[in-house]
Every structure is written in structure tokens, then in C-alpha cells.
């Protein structure tokens, strides 16, 4: 999927935190699929309920690498700082609701939102059986 969407070389995905077999120590793949996000979305009027599982993986890449849209499903990629991601998460509207949950999970796992007042409740909510986003 990463190769289809962004042109990620397959060998980067084969690496993980404990086995970096290439000469590119910047590239580390972390699999978080053991703890998927379970999200139910609906239209604003409450119709068309859809339950989805989102499996997360992190991929640290070299600073000079740029993803390229390969299969046409993505029109462009943008590089955001953590501060810009947090601003989008809190106040923006350019990211779909389900992807907001993915951003939230990423930022929590990387300690960006660790001081949040409701950290545990937020973490539990995005990993519970049913989460409804409007």
C-alpha cells in the first residue's frame, strides 16, 4: 500500500525498529497494526453508518526523500511540522474526520499531546469498539 500510494521502496517496509539491514539508518518502519483504530462515521443526518478499522504504521524516511503519488488516489503530499499537525487537529477542517483520529493517535504515540487533560479518555475512545465521528 505504501508503494502504491507514495512510491515507498518495498525494502524500507521490510525493516523494523530492531533490524536495519541497509546503509540508511534514517529509515525505520514501526508497525502498530496490533492496536487498530475502530471508527464509525456517518453523514451529518445520521444515515450511512460505516464502521472502519484503521491500521497504523510509522515510517521514518530520509529528510531529502519526497513521496510521489503513484496510483492516482492521492493528488499531492504536503510536509507538516508537528505544530501544524496539532493546529489542524484542533482547529482545522481540511482533514476528514477519520483521519483526524489517525493524527490524534500518531501525536499521542509520539508524545506531542501527552499533557492533554483528557489524554487517557482520548486514547481509550479511539481504540474502543465503537467511536462515532460527526
Protein backbone atom coordinates (compact mmCIF):
# COMPACT_ATOMS: atom_id res chain seq x y z
CA UNK A 1 0.00 0.00 0.00
CA UNK A 2 2.80 2.45 0.85
CA UNK A 3 4.42 1.76 -2.52
CA UNK A 4 1.11 2.23 -4.36
CA UNK A 5 0.20 5.48 -2.62
CA UNK A 6 3.57 7.18 -2.17
CA UNK A 7 6.25 5.28 -4.06
CA UNK A 8 7.87 3.94 -0.88
CA UNK A 9 10.58 1.42 -1.75
CA UNK A 10 9.48 -2.05 -0.53
CA UNK A 11 12.77 -2.68 1.28
CA UNK A 12 12.01 0.21 3.64
CA UNK A 13 8.89 -1.59 4.86
CA UNK A 14 10.80 -4.81 5.45
CA UNK A 15 12.89 -3.05 8.08
CA UNK A 16 11.74 -2.55 11.63
CA UNK A 17 12.99 -0.99 14.85
CA UNK A 18 15.34 -3.88 15.60
CA UNK A 19 16.63 -4.88 12.15
CA UNK A 20 18.01 -2.18 9.91
CA UNK A 21 19.90 -4.11 7.27
CA UNK A 22 20.64 -1.30 4.81
CA UNK A 23 23.07 1.57 4.97
CA UNK A 24 20.23 4.02 5.57
CA UNK A 25 19.80 4.31 9.35
CA UNK A 26 17.24 7.11 8.87
CA UNK A 27 14.68 4.60 7.63
CA UNK A 28 12.78 2.78 10.34
CA UNK A 29 9.41 1.06 9.97
CA UNK A 30 7.21 0.66 13.06
CA UNK A 31 4.12 -1.50 12.83
CA UNK A 32 1.19 -0.54 15.07
CA UNK A 33 -1.39 -2.80 13.41
CA UNK A 34 -1.80 -4.80 16.63
CA UNK A 35 -3.83 -1.88 18.03
CA UNK A 36 -6.13 -0.62 15.23
CA UNK A 37 -8.40 2.39 15.44
CA UNK A 38 -12.07 1.44 15.23
CA UNK A 39 -14.13 4.30 13.86
CA UNK A 40 -17.75 4.62 12.83
CA UNK A 41 -18.62 7.55 10.60
CA UNK A 42 -21.95 8.81 9.27
CA UNK A 43 -23.45 11.58 7.22
CA UNK A 44 -24.48 14.68 9.21
CA UNK A 45 -28.10 13.46 9.28
CA UNK A 46 -27.05 10.18 10.93
CA UNK A 47 -27.54 7.98 7.85
CA UNK A 48 -25.00 5.79 6.10
CA UNK A 49 -23.21 4.49 9.17
CA UNK A 50 -19.89 2.94 8.24
CA UNK A 51 -17.54 1.10 10.57
CA UNK A 52 -13.88 1.09 9.62
CA UNK A 53 -10.67 -0.25 11.06
CA UNK A 54 -7.54 1.83 10.56
CA UNK A 55 -4.17 0.13 10.93
CA UNK A 56 -1.27 2.45 11.68
CA UNK A 57 2.34 2.17 10.70
CA UNK A 58 5.07 4.78 11.09
CA UNK A 59 7.86 5.11 8.59
CA UNK A 60 10.79 7.41 9.29
CA UNK A 61 12.39 8.38 5.99
CA UNK A 62 15.48 10.35 4.93
CA UNK A 63 14.99 14.13 5.10
CA UNK A 64 15.65 14.52 1.39
CA UNK A 65 13.06 11.91 0.28
CA UNK A 66 9.81 13.11 -1.29
CA UNK A 67 6.77 10.85 -1.68
CA UNK A 68 5.22 10.71 -5.13
CA UNK A 69 1.59 9.86 -5.95
CA UNK A 70 1.75 6.58 -7.86
CA UNK A 71 -1.76 5.15 -8.27
CA UNK A 72 -3.68 8.42 -8.64
CA UNK A 73 -5.65 8.11 -5.41
CA UNK A 74 -3.59 10.89 -3.80
CA UNK A 75 -3.16 14.16 -5.66
CA UNK A 76 -0.29 15.55 -3.59
CA UNK A 77 1.70 15.18 -0.40
CA UNK A 78 2.46 18.01 2.00
CA UNK A 79 5.05 18.14 4.74
CA UNK A 80 3.69 19.40 8.06
CA UNK A 81 5.52 20.17 11.27
CA UNK A 82 4.11 18.67 14.48
CA UNK A 83 2.86 22.14 15.41
CA UNK A 84 0.98 22.42 12.10
CA UNK A 85 -0.50 18.94 12.59
CA UNK A 86 -1.66 19.85 16.08
CA UNK A 87 -3.22 23.07 14.78
CA UNK A 88 -5.04 21.14 12.06
CA UNK A 89 -6.22 18.56 14.59
CA UNK A 90 -7.55 21.19 16.98
CA UNK A 91 -8.90 23.89 14.65
CA UNK A 92 -8.65 22.80 11.01
CA UNK A 93 -11.14 21.29 8.63
CA UNK A 94 -9.02 20.09 5.72
CA UNK A 95 -8.65 16.53 7.06
CA UNK A 96 -11.51 14.01 7.02
CA UNK A 97 -12.91 13.03 10.45
CA UNK A 98 -11.45 9.51 10.39
CA UNK A 99 -8.01 10.84 9.53
CA UNK A 100 -8.25 13.23 12.47
CA UNK A 101 -8.39 10.15 14.70
CA UNK A 102 -5.29 8.75 12.95
CA UNK A 103 -3.48 12.07 13.54
CA UNK A 104 -4.57 12.05 17.18
CA UNK A 105 -3.24 8.51 17.64
CA UNK A 106 0.07 9.40 15.96
CA UNK A 107 0.56 12.53 18.06
CA UNK A 108 -0.28 10.69 21.28
CA UNK A 109 2.14 7.85 20.50
CA UNK A 110 4.90 10.37 19.79
CA UNK A 111 4.35 12.39 22.97
CA UNK A 112 3.08 15.57 21.32
CA UNK A 113 -0.21 15.55 23.24
CA UNK A 114 1.00 13.91 26.46
CA UNK A 115 0.00 16.88 28.59
CA UNK A 116 -3.62 16.81 27.46
CA UNK A 117 -6.12 16.96 30.28
CA UNK A 118 -8.16 14.07 28.86
CA UNK A 119 -5.26 12.00 27.47
CA UNK A 120 -6.47 8.64 28.79
CA UNK A 121 -10.07 9.26 27.73
CA UNK A 122 -8.95 10.29 24.22
CA UNK A 123 -6.69 7.24 23.90
CA UNK A 124 -9.43 4.89 25.10
CA UNK A 125 -12.01 6.48 22.78
CA UNK A 126 -10.07 5.94 19.56
CA UNK A 127 -9.36 2.32 20.43
CA UNK A 128 -12.81 1.32 21.69
CA UNK A 129 -15.25 -0.91 19.88
CA UNK A 130 -17.32 1.99 18.56
CA UNK A 131 -16.34 5.60 18.01
CA UNK A 132 -18.78 7.85 16.19
CA UNK A 133 -17.46 10.99 14.49
CA UNK A 134 -19.79 13.57 13.01
